[in-house]
Protein backbone atom coordinates (compact mmCIF):
# COMPACT_ATOMS: atom_id res chain seq x y z
CA SER A 1 -12.30 36.63 -24.90
CA ASN A 2 -13.73 38.64 -22.07
CA ARG A 3 -17.23 39.44 -20.85
CA TRP A 4 -17.68 42.07 -23.58
CA GLY A 5 -16.31 40.09 -26.52
CA THR A 6 -13.15 38.88 -28.19
CA VAL A 7 -9.95 40.80 -28.77
CA GLN A 8 -7.80 39.21 -31.46
CA VAL A 9 -4.59 40.69 -32.81
CA GLN A 10 -1.91 39.90 -35.35
CA VAL A 11 1.70 40.95 -34.79
CA VAL A 12 3.79 42.29 -37.67
CA TYR A 13 7.56 41.86 -37.58
CA SER A 14 10.19 43.48 -39.75
CA GLY A 15 13.89 42.96 -39.18
CA GLY A 16 13.14 40.99 -36.01
CA GLN A 17 11.25 43.91 -34.45
CA ILE A 18 7.55 44.39 -33.82
CA THR A 19 6.56 47.11 -36.28
CA ASP A 20 2.78 46.91 -36.02
CA VAL A 21 -0.05 45.16 -34.26
CA GLN A 22 -3.19 44.73 -36.32
CA ILE A 23 -6.55 44.39 -34.61
CA LEU A 24 -8.50 41.52 -36.14
CA SER A 25 -11.47 41.78 -33.78
CA TYR A 26 -12.55 43.66 -30.69
CA PRO A 27 -15.76 44.14 -28.71
CA ASP A 28 -17.92 46.45 -30.78
CA GLY A 29 -21.44 45.39 -29.88
CA ASP A 30 -22.43 48.73 -28.39
CA ARG A 31 -21.40 52.36 -28.53
CA LYS A 32 -19.65 52.28 -25.16
CA SER A 33 -17.47 49.32 -26.17
CA VAL A 34 -16.59 51.00 -29.45
CA SER A 35 -15.68 54.23 -27.67
CA ILE A 36 -13.54 52.48 -25.06
CA ASN A 37 -11.74 50.34 -27.62
CA GLU A 38 -11.15 53.15 -30.10
CA GLY A 39 -9.30 54.97 -27.32
CA ALA A 40 -7.52 52.02 -25.74
CA LEU A 41 -6.35 49.96 -28.69
CA PRO A 42 -4.10 52.59 -30.31
CA THR A 43 -2.52 53.20 -26.88
CA LEU A 44 -1.92 49.47 -26.39
CA ILE A 45 -0.47 49.10 -29.89
CA GLY A 46 1.91 52.01 -29.40
CA ALA A 47 3.04 50.66 -26.03
CA SER A 48 3.62 47.19 -27.49
CA ILE A 49 5.77 48.54 -30.31
CA THR A 50 7.78 50.61 -27.85
CA ALA A 51 8.16 47.71 -25.39
CA GLN A 52 8.66 45.11 -28.14
CA SER A 53 6.51 42.80 -26.05
CA ALA A 54 3.03 42.16 -24.70
CA ASP A 55 4.16 43.41 -21.28
CA VAL A 56 2.31 46.74 -21.38
CA ASP A 57 0.30 48.67 -18.82
CA THR A 58 -3.46 48.41 -18.55
CA VAL A 59 -5.30 51.36 -20.07
CA SER A 60 -7.47 53.06 -17.44
CA GLY A 61 -11.13 52.38 -18.10
CA ALA A 62 -10.34 49.51 -20.48
CA THR A 63 -9.23 46.75 -18.16
CA TYR A 64 -10.99 43.89 -19.96
CA THR A 65 -9.72 45.04 -23.35
CA SER A 66 -6.19 45.51 -22.00
CA VAL A 67 -6.02 42.03 -20.48
CA SER A 68 -7.48 40.36 -23.58
CA TYR A 69 -5.18 42.39 -25.84
CA ARG A 70 -2.08 41.33 -23.88
CA GLU A 71 -3.14 37.67 -23.95
CA SER A 72 -3.83 37.73 -27.70
CA LEU A 73 -0.61 39.60 -28.45
CA GLN A 74 1.47 37.18 -26.38
CA SER A 75 -0.12 34.28 -28.25
CA ALA A 76 0.68 35.97 -31.58
CA ILE A 77 4.27 36.62 -30.49
CA ASP A 78 4.67 33.01 -29.37
CA ALA A 79 3.27 31.74 -32.69
CA ALA A 80 5.59 34.03 -34.69
CA LEU A 81 8.62 32.89 -32.70
CA ALA A 82 7.67 29.23 -33.14
CA ALA A 83 7.24 29.77 -36.88
CA SER A 84 10.63 31.47 -37.15
CA VAL A 85 12.31 28.55 -35.37
CA VAL A 86 10.68 26.08 -37.77
CA ALA A 87 11.56 28.23 -40.79
CA GLY A 88 15.10 28.97 -39.58
C-alpha cells in the first residue's frame, strides 16, 4: 500500500521464467491515479519480464506505484519460490 492505494500483483511462471505479471489491484480512485497507473504499470510489467525479477527502475512520475509494485512483485516471487520448494 501507499498513500494513494494498494498495488497488488500476481506473477505468472512458465518453464521457470516469469512470463507475465497480472495486476490484481492498483490505485484508481481518481482520474490522475488511473492515468499514471495506466502508463506506469505496463512499463513495470515489461521491465520485470525482461529482468526476470522485481529489481526494475522507478517509472518517472509514478514513484509510489513503482515502489509498491516492486514490493508486491517481490512478495509474489518469494511466495512462488516457496511453493515450488514445497511442491518439488
